[in-house]
Amino acid sequence: MMLRATGNEGLSAATQVIVTITLLIVLAMVARWFLHRMVDRLVRSAETPMVPNRLVRNGGLGRSVTQSPSDLAATTRRVQRAKTIGSLLKSVITGVLLAVGITMALSELGLNIAPVLASAGIVGLALGFGAQTLVKDFLSGIFMIFEDQYGVGDVIRVNDVQGTVEAVTLRVTRLRDGNGTVWYVRNGEILRVGNMSQNWARAVLDVTVSHEADVTRTREVLLDLAREMWRDDDFTGRIIEEPEVPGVEAISVEGVTVRLSVKTAPMEQWPVARALRERIKARFDAEGIVVPHTRYVEEPVAAE
């Protein structure tokens, strides 16, 4: 049409190239908008948990359970994780569309893109060999964030280190152990991770009593004490199921070990266990239940 209107082949060819490049830009922008909308929908669905942050006690005791600070932190972390994943996906989509658009535009301009593609392949291969550790760290970080294996504030065990997560990036994870030491762990080096802060936890206490103690009475005392603590208003929402005393766990020279198991909210297993130990000590003293102890006998001093 332009050739018939102007009779100029050069102008017609240039106009055709400009129109084609414009169409490529419009198509790229439309594709980018559409894919970004899909990512936004994916992010909004990821912000809604498929399972609750924690298991809470039902209304059998006639109490309402409000959202705790740990639940709010988990919700915030989930939203941040979803937004991080969305931002990463959007960046990848934009980069791919930009690379494809530039390549097609160069082809429309009559340039030979074969050397460009070959050079890109060689550069990618070189980067793959030279920075494979970095690529491994980033890929591990992407899957770790996407799967929500852990987040800031969680208590985790990574390899031989246990501590609280302070920062999570695509390359490294920073956590602080109980002594205050900060550990930096590359995501590519994490072969397995144990998270003690997700959904629910369990406080397990092995209480040892002397061989002379009545084991049946000991089990009754432990179960009664744990149930009292479960019904205590101070532990509403922290102990999420009725405690259990499975029975004798071990018999040794020191005495008989009875196990007490209490299901708790995440991060509450340690304070609940401490409170239980205090109450067990006081109740055992009141009930006359003897625990094993070592007697130190003073050796007589030889007369000079």
C-alpha atoms as a PDB file:
ATOM      1  CA  MET A   1       0.000   0.000   0.000  1.00  0.00           C
ATOM      2  CA  MET A   2       2.775   2.421   0.907  1.00  0.00           C
ATOM      3  CA  LEU A   3       4.599   1.491  -2.286  1.00  0.00           C
ATOM      4  CA  ARG A   4       1.552   2.244  -4.389  1.00  0.00           C
ATOM      5  CA  ALA A   5       0.973   5.531  -2.580  1.00  0.00           C
ATOM      6  CA  THR A   6       4.522   6.864  -2.736  1.00  0.00           C
ATOM      7  CA  GLY A   7       6.246   4.821  -5.404  1.00  0.00           C
ATOM      8  CA  ASN A   8       9.341   4.780  -3.192  1.00  0.00           C
ATOM      9  CA  GLU A   9      10.570   1.263  -2.409  1.00  0.00           C
ATOM     10  CA  GLY A  10      12.981   2.400   0.311  1.00  0.00           C
ATOM     11  CA  LEU A  11      10.326   4.395   2.126  1.00  0.00           C
ATOM     12  CA  SER A  12       7.885   1.500   1.779  1.00  0.00           C
ATOM     13  CA  ALA A  13      10.396  -0.986   3.206  1.00  0.00           C
ATOM     14  CA  ALA A  14      11.295   1.343   6.076  1.00  0.00           C
ATOM     15  CA  THR A  15       7.634   1.893   6.872  1.00  0.00           C
ATOM     16  CA  GLN A  16       7.016  -1.843   6.853  1.00  0.00           C
ATOM     17  CA  VAL A  17       9.909  -2.395   9.247  1.00  0.00           C
ATOM     18  CA  ILE A  18       8.683   0.361  11.566  1.00  0.00           C
ATOM     19  CA  VAL A  19       5.154  -1.068  11.551  1.00  0.00           C
ATOM     20  CA  THR A  20       6.454  -4.567  12.243  1.00  0.00           C
ATOM     21  CA  ILE A  21       8.662  -3.400  15.106  1.00  0.00           C
ATOM     22  CA  THR A  22       5.762  -1.380  16.513  1.00  0.00           C
ATOM     23  CA  LEU A  23       3.543  -4.452  16.373  1.00  0.00           C
ATOM     24  CA  LEU A  24       6.253  -6.471  18.125  1.00  0.00           C
ATOM     25  CA  ILE A  25       6.463  -3.858  20.878  1.00  0.00           C
ATOM     26  CA  VAL A  26       2.686  -3.785  21.279  1.00  0.00           C
ATOM     27  CA  LEU A  27       2.477  -7.583  21.342  1.00  0.00           C
ATOM     28  CA  ALA A  28       5.300  -7.765  23.895  1.00  0.00           C
ATOM     29  CA  MET A  29       3.591  -5.188  26.112  1.00  0.00           C
ATOM     30  CA  VAL A  30       0.249  -7.002  25.849  1.00  0.00           C
ATOM     31  CA  ALA A  31       1.909 -10.341  26.628  1.00  0.00           C
ATOM     32  CA  ARG A  32       3.761  -8.755  29.538  1.00  0.00           C
ATOM     33  CA  TRP A  33       0.551  -7.227  30.914  1.00  0.00           C
ATOM     34  CA  PHE A  34      -1.338 -10.514  30.570  1.00  0.00           C
ATOM     35  CA  LEU A  35       1.410 -12.621  32.169  1.00  0.00           C
ATOM     36  CA  HIS A  36       1.861 -10.101  34.990  1.00  0.00           C
ATOM     37  CA  ARG A  37      -1.869 -10.275  35.677  1.00  0.00           C
ATOM     38  CA  MET A  38      -1.579 -14.059  35.920  1.00  0.00           C
ATOM     39  CA  VAL A  39       1.352 -13.676  38.317  1.00  0.00           C
ATOM     40  CA  ASP A  40      -0.669 -11.238  40.442  1.00  0.00           C
ATOM     41  CA  ARG A  41      -3.491 -13.786  40.679  1.00  0.00           C
ATOM     42  CA  LEU A  42      -0.974 -16.456  41.627  1.00  0.00           C
ATOM     43  CA  VAL A  43       0.463 -14.174  44.328  1.00  0.00           C
ATOM     44  CA  ARG A  44      -2.981 -13.436  45.766  1.00  0.00           C
ATOM     45  CA  SER A  45      -3.775 -17.141  45.937  1.00  0.00           C
ATOM     46  CA  ALA A  46      -0.393 -17.831  47.564  1.00  0.00           C
ATOM     47  CA  GLU A  47      -1.129 -15.228  50.258  1.00  0.00           C
ATOM     48  CA  THR A  48      -4.036 -17.402  51.466  1.00  0.00           C
ATOM     49  CA  PRO A  49      -2.742 -20.433  53.394  1.00  0.00           C
ATOM     50  CA  MET A  50      -3.868 -23.914  52.358  1.00  0.00           C
ATOM     51  CA  VAL A  51      -3.443 -25.039  55.974  1.00  0.00           C
ATOM     52  CA  PRO A  52      -3.631 -22.917  59.151  1.00  0.00           C
ATOM     53  CA  ASN A  53      -0.486 -21.338  60.552  1.00  0.00           C
ATOM     54  CA  ARG A  54      -1.029 -23.337  63.698  1.00  0.00           C
ATOM     55  CA  LEU A  55      -3.474 -25.882  65.018  1.00  0.00           C
ATOM     56  CA  VAL A  56      -5.659 -24.312  67.698  1.00  0.00           C
ATOM     57  CA  ARG A  57      -7.817 -25.863  70.343  1.00  0.00           C
ATOM     58  CA  ASN A  58     -11.471 -26.178  69.403  1.00  0.00           C
ATOM     59  CA  GLY A  59     -14.237 -24.462  71.297  1.00  0.00           C
ATOM     60  CA  GLY A  60     -14.819 -27.391  73.625  1.00  0.00           C
ATOM     61  CA  LEU A  61     -13.756 -25.350  76.616  1.00  0.00           C
ATOM     62  CA  GLY A  62     -15.925 -22.414  75.634  1.00  0.00           C
ATOM     63  CA  ARG A  63     -13.042 -20.066  74.917  1.00  0.00           C
ATOM     64  CA  SER A  64     -12.354 -17.943  71.901  1.00  0.00           C
ATOM     65  CA  VAL A  65      -8.860 -18.059  70.447  1.00  0.00           C
ATOM     66  CA  THR A  66      -7.525 -14.804  69.051  1.00  0.00           C
ATOM     67  CA  GLN A  67      -4.746 -14.421  66.581  1.00  0.00           C
ATOM     68  CA  SER A  68      -1.427 -14.339  68.384  1.00  0.00           C
ATOM     69  CA  PRO A  69       1.666 -12.300  67.448  1.00  0.00           C
ATOM     70  CA  SER A  70       3.267 -15.441  66.016  1.00  0.00           C
ATOM     71  CA  ASP A  71       0.224 -15.908  63.741  1.00  0.00           C
ATOM     72  CA  LEU A  72       0.510 -12.306  62.583  1.00  0.00           C
ATOM     73  CA  ALA A  73       4.219 -12.823  61.914  1.00  0.00           C
ATOM     74  CA  ALA A  74       3.463 -15.978  59.927  1.00  0.00           C
ATOM     75  CA  THR A  75       0.833 -14.127  57.891  1.00  0.00           C
ATOM     76  CA  THR A  76       3.236 -11.277  57.187  1.00  0.00           C
ATOM     77  CA  ARG A  77       5.947 -13.734  56.189  1.00  0.00           C
ATOM     78  CA  ARG A  78       3.581 -15.541  53.843  1.00  0.00           C
ATOM     79  CA  VAL A  79       2.594 -12.281  52.152  1.00  0.00           C
ATOM     80  CA  GLN A  80       6.235 -11.230  51.814  1.00  0.00           C
ATOM     81  CA  ARG A  81       7.156 -14.628  50.376  1.00  0.00           C
ATOM     82  CA  ALA A  82       4.340 -14.448  47.840  1.00  0.00           C
ATOM     83  CA  LYS A  83       5.363 -10.943  46.798  1.00  0.00           C
ATOM     84  CA  THR A  84       8.994 -12.023  46.475  1.00  0.00           C
ATOM     85  CA  ILE A  85       8.016 -14.913  44.232  1.00  0.00           C
ATOM     86  CA  GLY A  86       5.764 -12.613  42.190  1.00  0.00           C
ATOM     87  CA  SER A  87       8.527 -10.040  41.765  1.00  0.00           C
ATOM     88  CA  LEU A  88      10.963 -12.752  40.676  1.00  0.00           C
ATOM     89  CA  LEU A  89       8.505 -14.206  38.149  1.00  0.00           C
ATOM     90  CA  LYS A  90       7.731 -10.749  36.763  1.00  0.00           C
ATOM     91  CA  SER A  91      11.435 -10.013  36.348  1.00  0.00           C
ATOM     92  CA  VAL A  92      11.958 -13.303  34.506  1.00  0.00           C
ATOM     93  CA  ILE A  93       8.962 -12.653  32.230  1.00  0.00           C
ATOM     94  CA  THR A  94      10.131  -9.133  31.427  1.00  0.00           C
ATOM     95  CA  GLY A  95      13.670 -10.313  30.710  1.00  0.00           C
ATOM     96  CA  VAL A  96      12.542 -13.128  28.404  1.00  0.00           C
ATOM     97  CA  LEU A  97      10.122 -10.907  26.489  1.00  0.00           C
ATOM     98  CA  LEU A  98      12.748  -8.188  26.192  1.00  0.00           C
ATOM     99  CA  ALA A  99      15.342 -10.621  24.839  1.00  0.00           C
ATOM    100  CA  VAL A 100      12.895 -12.150  22.347  1.00  0.00           C
ATOM    101  CA  GLY A 101      11.643  -8.725  21.256  1.00  0.00           C
ATOM    102  CA  ILE A 102      15.134  -7.320  20.693  1.00  0.00           C
ATOM    103  CA  THR A 103      16.160 -10.419  18.750  1.00  0.00           C
ATOM    104  CA  MET A 104      13.090 -10.243  16.482  1.00  0.00           C
ATOM    105  CA  ALA A 105      13.555  -6.500  16.009  1.00  0.00           C
ATOM    106  CA  LEU A 106      17.176  -6.998  14.920  1.00  0.00           C
ATOM    107  CA  SER A 107      16.024  -9.677  12.515  1.00  0.00           C
ATOM    108  CA  GLU A 108      13.449  -7.291  11.017  1.00  0.00           C
ATOM    109  CA  LEU A 109      16.167  -4.676  10.562  1.00  0.00           C
ATOM    110  CA  GLY A 110      18.016  -7.149   8.375  1.00  0.00           C
ATOM    111  CA  LEU A 111      20.817  -7.929  10.783  1.00  0.00           C
ATOM    112  CA  ASN A 112      22.213 -11.436  11.004  1.00  0.00           C
ATOM    113  CA  ILE A 113      21.234 -12.619  14.475  1.00  0.00           C
ATOM    114  CA  ALA A 114      22.964 -16.005  14.183  1.00  0.00           C
ATOM    115  CA  PRO A 115      26.269 -14.660  15.618  1.00  0.00           C
ATOM    116  CA  VAL A 116      24.329 -12.951  18.403  1.00  0.00           C
ATOM    117  CA  LEU A 117      22.589 -16.180  19.339  1.00  0.00           C
ATOM    118  CA  ALA A 118      25.830 -18.122  19.131  1.00  0.00           C
ATOM    119  CA  SER A 119      27.612 -15.563  21.318  1.00  0.00           C
ATOM    120  CA  ALA A 120      24.774 -15.650  23.841  1.00  0.00           C
ATOM    121  CA  GLY A 121      25.015 -19.431  23.945  1.00  0.00           C
ATOM    122  CA  ILE A 122      28.770 -19.313  24.493  1.00  0.00           C
ATOM    123  CA  VAL A 123      28.456 -16.657  27.211  1.00  0.00           C
ATOM    124  CA  GLY A 124      25.712 -18.649  28.917  1.00  0.00           C
ATOM    125  CA  LEU A 125      27.812 -21.805  28.787  1.00  0.00           C
ATOM    126  CA  ALA A 126      30.825 -19.978  30.220  1.00  0.00           C
ATOM    127  CA  LEU A 127      28.754 -18.478  33.004  1.00  0.00           C
ATOM    128  CA  GLY A 128      27.232 -21.891  33.701  1.00  0.00           C
ATOM    129  CA  PHE A 129      30.658 -23.455  34.184  1.00  0.00           C
ATOM    130  CA  GLY A 130      32.276 -20.522  35.946  1.00  0.00           C
ATOM    131  CA  ALA A 131      29.440 -19.658  38.304  1.00  0.00           C
ATOM    132  CA  GLN A 132      27.747 -23.003  38.810  1.00  0.00           C
ATOM    133  CA  THR A 133      28.007 -22.654  42.598  1.00  0.00           C
ATOM    134  CA  LEU A 134      26.288 -19.272  42.430  1.00  0.00           C
ATOM    135  CA  VAL A 135      23.618 -20.649  40.106  1.00  0.00           C
ATOM    136  CA  LYS A 136      23.078 -23.576  42.471  1.00  0.00           C
ATOM    137  CA  ASP A 137      22.664 -21.186  45.406  1.00  0.00           C
ATOM    138  CA  PHE A 138      20.128 -19.069  43.532  1.00  0.00           C
ATOM    139  CA  LEU A 139      18.105 -22.035  42.294  1.00  0.00           C
ATOM    140  CA  SER A 140      18.037 -23.521  45.785  1.00  0.00           C
ATOM    141  CA  GLY A 141      16.962 -20.161  47.192  1.00  0.00           C
ATOM    142  CA  ILE A 142      14.153 -19.851  44.656  1.00  0.00           C
ATOM    143  CA  PHE A 143      12.730 -23.275  45.489  1.00  0.00           C
ATOM    144  CA  MET A 144      13.242 -22.705  49.213  1.00  0.00           C
ATOM    145  CA  ILE A 145      11.241 -19.466  49.112  1.00  0.00           C
ATOM    146  CA  PHE A 146       8.612 -20.925  46.783  1.00  0.00           C
ATOM    147  CA  GLU A 147       8.071 -23.979  49.019  1.00  0.00           C
ATOM    148  CA  ASP A 148       8.184 -21.902  52.225  1.00  0.00           C
ATOM    149  CA  GLN A 149      10.644 -24.261  53.880  1.00  0.00           C
ATOM    150  CA  TYR A 150      11.442 -21.575  56.465  1.00  0.00           C
ATOM    151  CA  GLY A 151      11.352 -17.831  56.945  1.00  0.00           C
ATOM    152  CA  VAL A 152      12.526 -15.003  59.172  1.00  0.00           C
ATOM    153  CA  GLY A 153      11.820 -15.782  62.814  1.00  0.00           C
ATOM    154  CA  ASP A 154      11.732 -19.562  62.414  1.00  0.00           C
ATOM    155  CA  VAL A 155      13.925 -21.795  64.535  1.00  0.00           C
ATOM    156  CA  ILE A 156      15.611 -24.292  62.228  1.00  0.00           C
ATOM    157  CA  ARG A 157      18.399 -26.840  62.184  1.00  0.00           C
ATOM    158  CA  VAL A 158      20.579 -26.644  59.082  1.00  0.00           C
ATOM    159  CA  ASN A 159      23.315 -29.242  58.780  1.00  0.00           C
ATOM    160  CA  ASP A 160      24.905 -29.062  62.242  1.00  0.00           C
ATOM    161  CA  VAL A 161      23.707 -25.542  63.147  1.00  0.00           C
ATOM    162  CA  GLN A 162      20.514 -24.682  65.025  1.00  0.00           C
ATOM    163  CA  GLY A 163      19.296 -21.131  65.452  1.00  0.00           C
ATOM    164  CA  THR A 164      16.762 -18.426  64.643  1.00  0.00           C
ATOM    165  CA  VAL A 165      16.550 -17.229  61.043  1.00  0.00           C
ATOM    166  CA  GLU A 166      17.362 -13.535  60.802  1.00  0.00           C
ATOM    167  CA  ALA A 167      17.499 -13.043  57.028  1.00  0.00           C
ATOM    168  CA  VAL A 168      16.705 -15.060  53.918  1.00  0.00           C
ATOM    169  CA  THR A 169      17.965 -14.149  50.450  1.00  0.00           C
ATOM    170  CA  LEU A 170      18.201 -16.040  47.196  1.00  0.00           C
ATOM    171  CA  ARG A 171      21.877 -16.803  47.875  1.00  0.00           C
ATOM    172  CA  VAL A 172      22.406 -17.156  51.626  1.00  0.00           C
ATOM    173  CA  THR A 173      20.501 -17.721  54.857  1.00  0.00           C
ATOM    174  CA  ARG A 174      21.588 -15.947  58.033  1.00  0.00           C
ATOM    175  CA  LEU A 175      20.724 -17.431  61.408  1.00  0.00           C
ATOM    176  CA  ARG A 176      21.794 -16.840  65.011  1.00  0.00           C
ATOM    177  CA  ASP A 177      22.324 -19.717  67.426  1.00  0.00           C
ATOM    178  CA  GLY A 178      21.639 -19.795  71.166  1.00  0.00           C
ATOM    179  CA  ASN A 179      25.103 -18.433  71.975  1.00  0.00           C
ATOM    180  CA  GLY A 180      24.572 -15.368  69.800  1.00  0.00           C
ATOM    181  CA  THR A 181      26.849 -16.518  66.983  1.00  0.00           C
ATOM    182  CA  VAL A 182      25.682 -15.491  63.516  1.00  0.00           C
ATOM    183  CA  TRP A 183      25.947 -18.185  60.852  1.00  0.00           C
ATOM    184  CA  TYR A 184      25.849 -17.612  57.115  1.00  0.00           C
ATOM    185  CA  VAL A 185      24.794 -20.696  55.153  1.00  0.00           C
ATOM    186  CA  ARG A 186      24.777 -20.801  51.362  1.00  0.00           C
ATOM    187  CA  ASN A 187      21.440 -22.087  50.099  1.00  0.00           C
ATOM    188  CA  GLY A 188      23.165 -24.501  47.740  1.00  0.00           C
ATOM    189  CA  GLU A 189      24.856 -26.206  50.700  1.00  0.00           C
ATOM    190  CA  ILE A 190      21.570 -26.962  52.492  1.00  0.00           C
ATOM    191  CA  LEU A 191      20.883 -30.647  51.921  1.00  0.00           C
ATOM    192  CA  ARG A 192      18.237 -30.947  54.633  1.00  0.00           C
ATOM    193  CA  VAL A 193      16.606 -28.534  57.041  1.00  0.00           C
ATOM    194  CA  GLY A 194      14.490 -29.116  60.122  1.00  0.00           C
ATOM    195  CA  ASN A 195      11.923 -26.425  60.931  1.00  0.00           C
ATOM    196  CA  MET A 196      10.675 -26.313  64.527  1.00  0.00           C
ATOM    197  CA  SER A 197       8.258 -23.418  63.939  1.00  0.00           C
ATOM    198  CA  GLN A 198       5.682 -24.593  61.420  1.00  0.00           C
ATOM    199  CA  ASN A 199       2.042 -25.454  62.151  1.00  0.00           C
ATOM    200  CA  TRP A 200       2.569 -27.086  65.560  1.00  0.00           C
ATOM    201  CA  ALA A 201       5.243 -28.413  67.897  1.00  0.00           C
ATOM    202  CA  ARG A 202       5.515 -30.918  70.707  1.00  0.00           C
ATOM    203  CA  ALA A 203       7.038 -30.650  74.161  1.00  0.00           C
ATOM    204  CA  VAL A 204       8.303 -34.076  75.227  1.00  0.00           C
ATOM    205  CA  LEU A 205       9.465 -34.529  78.814  1.00  0.00           C
ATOM    206  CA  ASP A 206      11.091 -37.709  80.074  1.00  0.00           C
ATOM    207  CA  VAL A 207      10.637 -37.688  83.847  1.00  0.00           C
ATOM    208  CA  THR A 208      12.767 -40.158  85.791  1.00  0.00           C
ATOM    209  CA  VAL A 209      11.611 -41.428  89.196  1.00  0.00           C
ATOM    210  CA  SER A 210      13.227 -43.899  91.553  1.00  0.00           C
ATOM    211  CA  HIS A 211      12.560 -47.629  91.350  1.00  0.00           C
ATOM    212  CA  GLU A 212      10.648 -47.429  94.630  1.00  0.00           C
ATOM    213  CA  ALA A 213       8.121 -44.947  93.219  1.00  0.00           C
ATOM    214  CA  ASP A 214       4.629 -46.083  92.203  1.00  0.00           C
ATOM    215  CA  VAL A 215       4.691 -45.843  88.399  1.00  0.00           C
ATOM    216  CA  THR A 216       0.892 -45.863  88.070  1.00  0.00           C
ATOM    217  CA  ARG A 217       0.569 -43.026  90.582  1.00  0.00           C
ATOM    218  CA  THR A 218       3.364 -41.146  88.824  1.00  0.00           C
ATOM    219  CA  ARG A 219       1.541 -41.373  85.508  1.00  0.00           C
ATOM    220  CA  GLU A 220      -1.702 -40.159  87.112  1.00  0.00           C
ATOM    221  CA  VAL A 221       0.062 -37.193  88.736  1.00  0.00           C
ATOM    222  CA  LEU A 222       1.790 -36.192  85.502  1.00  0.00           C
ATOM    223  CA  LEU A 223      -1.416 -36.428  83.477  1.00  0.00           C
ATOM    224  CA  ASP A 224      -3.457 -34.508  86.075  1.00  0.00           C
ATOM    225  CA  LEU A 225      -0.822 -31.792  86.289  1.00  0.00           C
ATOM    226  CA  ALA A 226      -0.576 -31.436  82.495  1.00  0.00           C
ATOM    227  CA  ARG A 227      -4.372 -31.271  82.131  1.00  0.00           C
ATOM    228  CA  GLU A 228      -4.559 -28.527  84.749  1.00  0.00           C
ATOM    229  CA  MET A 229      -1.995 -26.598  82.760  1.00  0.00           C
ATOM    230  CA  TRP A 230      -3.951 -27.241  79.542  1.00  0.00           C
ATOM    231  CA  ARG A 231      -7.082 -25.743  81.149  1.00  0.00           C
ATOM    232  CA  ASP A 232      -5.144 -22.762  82.515  1.00  0.00           C
ATOM    233  CA  ASP A 233      -6.137 -19.477  80.883  1.00  0.00           C
ATOM    234  CA  ASP A 234      -2.466 -18.480  80.639  1.00  0.00           C
ATOM    235  CA  PHE A 235      -1.872 -21.366  78.242  1.00  0.00           C
ATOM    236  CA  THR A 236      -4.979 -21.015  76.089  1.00  0.00           C
ATOM    237  CA  GLY A 237      -3.872 -21.263  72.478  1.00  0.00           C
ATOM    238  CA  ARG A 238      -0.383 -22.326  73.539  1.00  0.00           C
ATOM    239  CA  ILE A 239      -1.284 -25.917  74.397  1.00  0.00           C
ATOM    240  CA  ILE A 240      -3.504 -27.025  71.526  1.00  0.00           C
ATOM    241  CA  GLU A 241      -4.408 -30.606  72.462  1.00  0.00           C
ATOM    242  CA  GLU A 242      -5.037 -32.559  75.616  1.00  0.00           C
ATOM    243  CA  PRO A 243      -1.688 -33.812  76.991  1.00  0.00           C
ATOM    244  CA  GLU A 244      -0.767 -37.463  76.947  1.00  0.00           C
ATOM    245  CA  VAL A 245       1.321 -39.729  79.154  1.00  0.00           C
ATOM    246  CA  PRO A 246       2.201 -42.706  76.910  1.00  0.00           C
ATOM    247  CA  GLY A 247       3.816 -44.608  79.761  1.00  0.00           C
ATOM    248  CA  VAL A 248       7.215 -45.915  80.759  1.00  0.00           C
ATOM    249  CA  GLU A 249       9.850 -44.942  78.240  1.00  0.00           C
ATOM    250  CA  ALA A 250      12.904 -46.604  79.774  1.00  0.00           C
ATOM    251  CA  ILE A 251      14.171 -48.491  82.807  1.00  0.00           C
ATOM    252  CA  SER A 252      17.761 -47.952  83.810  1.00  0.00           C
ATOM    253  CA  VAL A 253      20.057 -48.129  86.797  1.00  0.00           C
ATOM    254  CA  GLU A 254      19.097 -44.580  87.735  1.00  0.00           C
ATOM    255  CA  GLY A 255      15.357 -45.214  87.774  1.00  0.00           C
ATOM    256  CA  VAL A 256      12.179 -45.486  85.724  1.00  0.00           C
ATOM    257  CA  THR A 257      11.584 -42.900  82.971  1.00  0.00           C
ATOM    258  CA  VAL A 258       7.984 -41.857  82.255  1.00  0.00           C
ATOM    259  CA  ARG A 259       7.243 -39.808  79.150  1.00  0.00           C
ATOM    260  CA  LEU A 260       4.903 -36.792  79.062  1.00  0.00           C
ATOM    261  CA  SER A 261       3.867 -35.416  75.653  1.00  0.00           C
ATOM    262  CA  VAL A 262       2.199 -32.040  75.109  1.00  0.00           C
ATOM    263  CA  LYS A 263       1.227 -30.669  71.678  1.00  0.00           C
ATOM    264  CA  THR A 264       1.817 -26.937  71.491  1.00  0.00           C
ATOM    265  CA  ALA A 265       1.653 -24.018  69.113  1.00  0.00           C
ATOM    266  CA  PRO A 266       4.830 -23.266  67.133  1.00  0.00           C
ATOM    267  CA  MET A 267       7.708 -21.847  69.193  1.00  0.00           C
ATOM    268  CA  GLU A 268       5.814 -22.577  72.416  1.00  0.00           C
ATOM    269  CA  GLN A 269       7.299 -26.007  73.142  1.00  0.00           C
ATOM    270  CA  TRP A 270      10.240 -24.612  75.100  1.00  0.00           C
ATOM    271  CA  PRO A 271       8.382 -22.227  77.480  1.00  0.00           C
ATOM    272  CA  VAL A 272       5.673 -24.850  77.996  1.00  0.00           C
ATOM    273  CA  ALA A 273       8.300 -27.466  78.843  1.00  0.00           C
ATOM    274  CA  ARG A 274       9.962 -25.121  81.363  1.00  0.00           C
ATOM    275  CA  ALA A 275       6.642 -24.386  83.053  1.00  0.00           C
ATOM    276  CA  LEU A 276       5.856 -28.097  83.189  1.00  0.00           C
ATOM    277  CA  ARG A 277       9.179 -28.899  84.852  1.00  0.00           C
ATOM    278  CA  GLU A 278       8.545 -26.312  87.555  1.00  0.00           C
ATOM    279  CA  ARG A 279       5.067 -27.683  88.253  1.00  0.00           C
ATOM    280  CA  ILE A 280       6.299 -31.273  88.197  1.00  0.00           C
ATOM    281  CA  LYS A 281       8.972 -30.474  90.781  1.00  0.00           C
ATOM    282  CA  ALA A 282       6.447 -28.798  93.088  1.00  0.00           C
ATOM    283  CA  ARG A 283       3.847 -31.576  92.661  1.00  0.00           C
ATOM    284  CA  PHE A 284       6.384 -34.369  93.199  1.00  0.00           C
ATOM    285  CA  ASP A 285       7.521 -32.716  96.417  1.00  0.00           C
ATOM    286  CA  ALA A 286       3.913 -32.485  97.586  1.00  0.00           C
ATOM    287  CA  GLU A 287       3.076 -36.076  96.561  1.00  0.00           C
ATOM    288  CA  GLY A 288       6.274 -37.523  97.985  1.00  0.00           C
ATOM    289  CA  ILE A 289       7.405 -38.954  94.646  1.00  0.00           C
ATOM    290  CA  VAL A 290      11.136 -39.485  94.825  1.00  0.00           C
ATOM    291  CA  VAL A 291      13.430 -38.779  91.893  1.00  0.00           C
ATOM    292  CA  PRO A 292      16.880 -40.351  91.613  1.00  0.00           C
ATOM    293  CA  HIS A 293      19.688 -38.420  93.203  1.00  0.00           C
ATOM    294  CA  THR A 294      23.353 -38.937  93.951  1.00  0.00           C
ATOM    295  CA  ARG A 295      24.539 -39.004  97.522  1.00  0.00           C
ATOM    296  CA  TYR A 296      27.995 -37.704  98.188  1.00  0.00           C
ATOM    297  CA  VAL A 297      29.688 -39.377 101.125  1.00  0.00           C
ATOM    298  CA  GLU A 298      32.466 -37.387 102.711  1.00  0.00           C
ATOM    299  CA  GLU A 299      35.560 -39.489 102.981  1.00  0.00           C
ATOM    300  CA  PRO A 300      37.181 -39.577 106.436  1.00  0.00           C
ATOM    301  CA  VAL A 301      40.376 -37.624 106.775  1.00  0.00           C
ATOM    302  CA  ALA A 302      43.347 -39.803 107.745  1.00  0.00           C
ATOM    303  CA  ALA A 303      44.824 -38.926 111.104  1.00  0.00           C
ATOM    304  CA  GLU A 304      48.295 -37.569 110.963  1.00  0.00           C
END
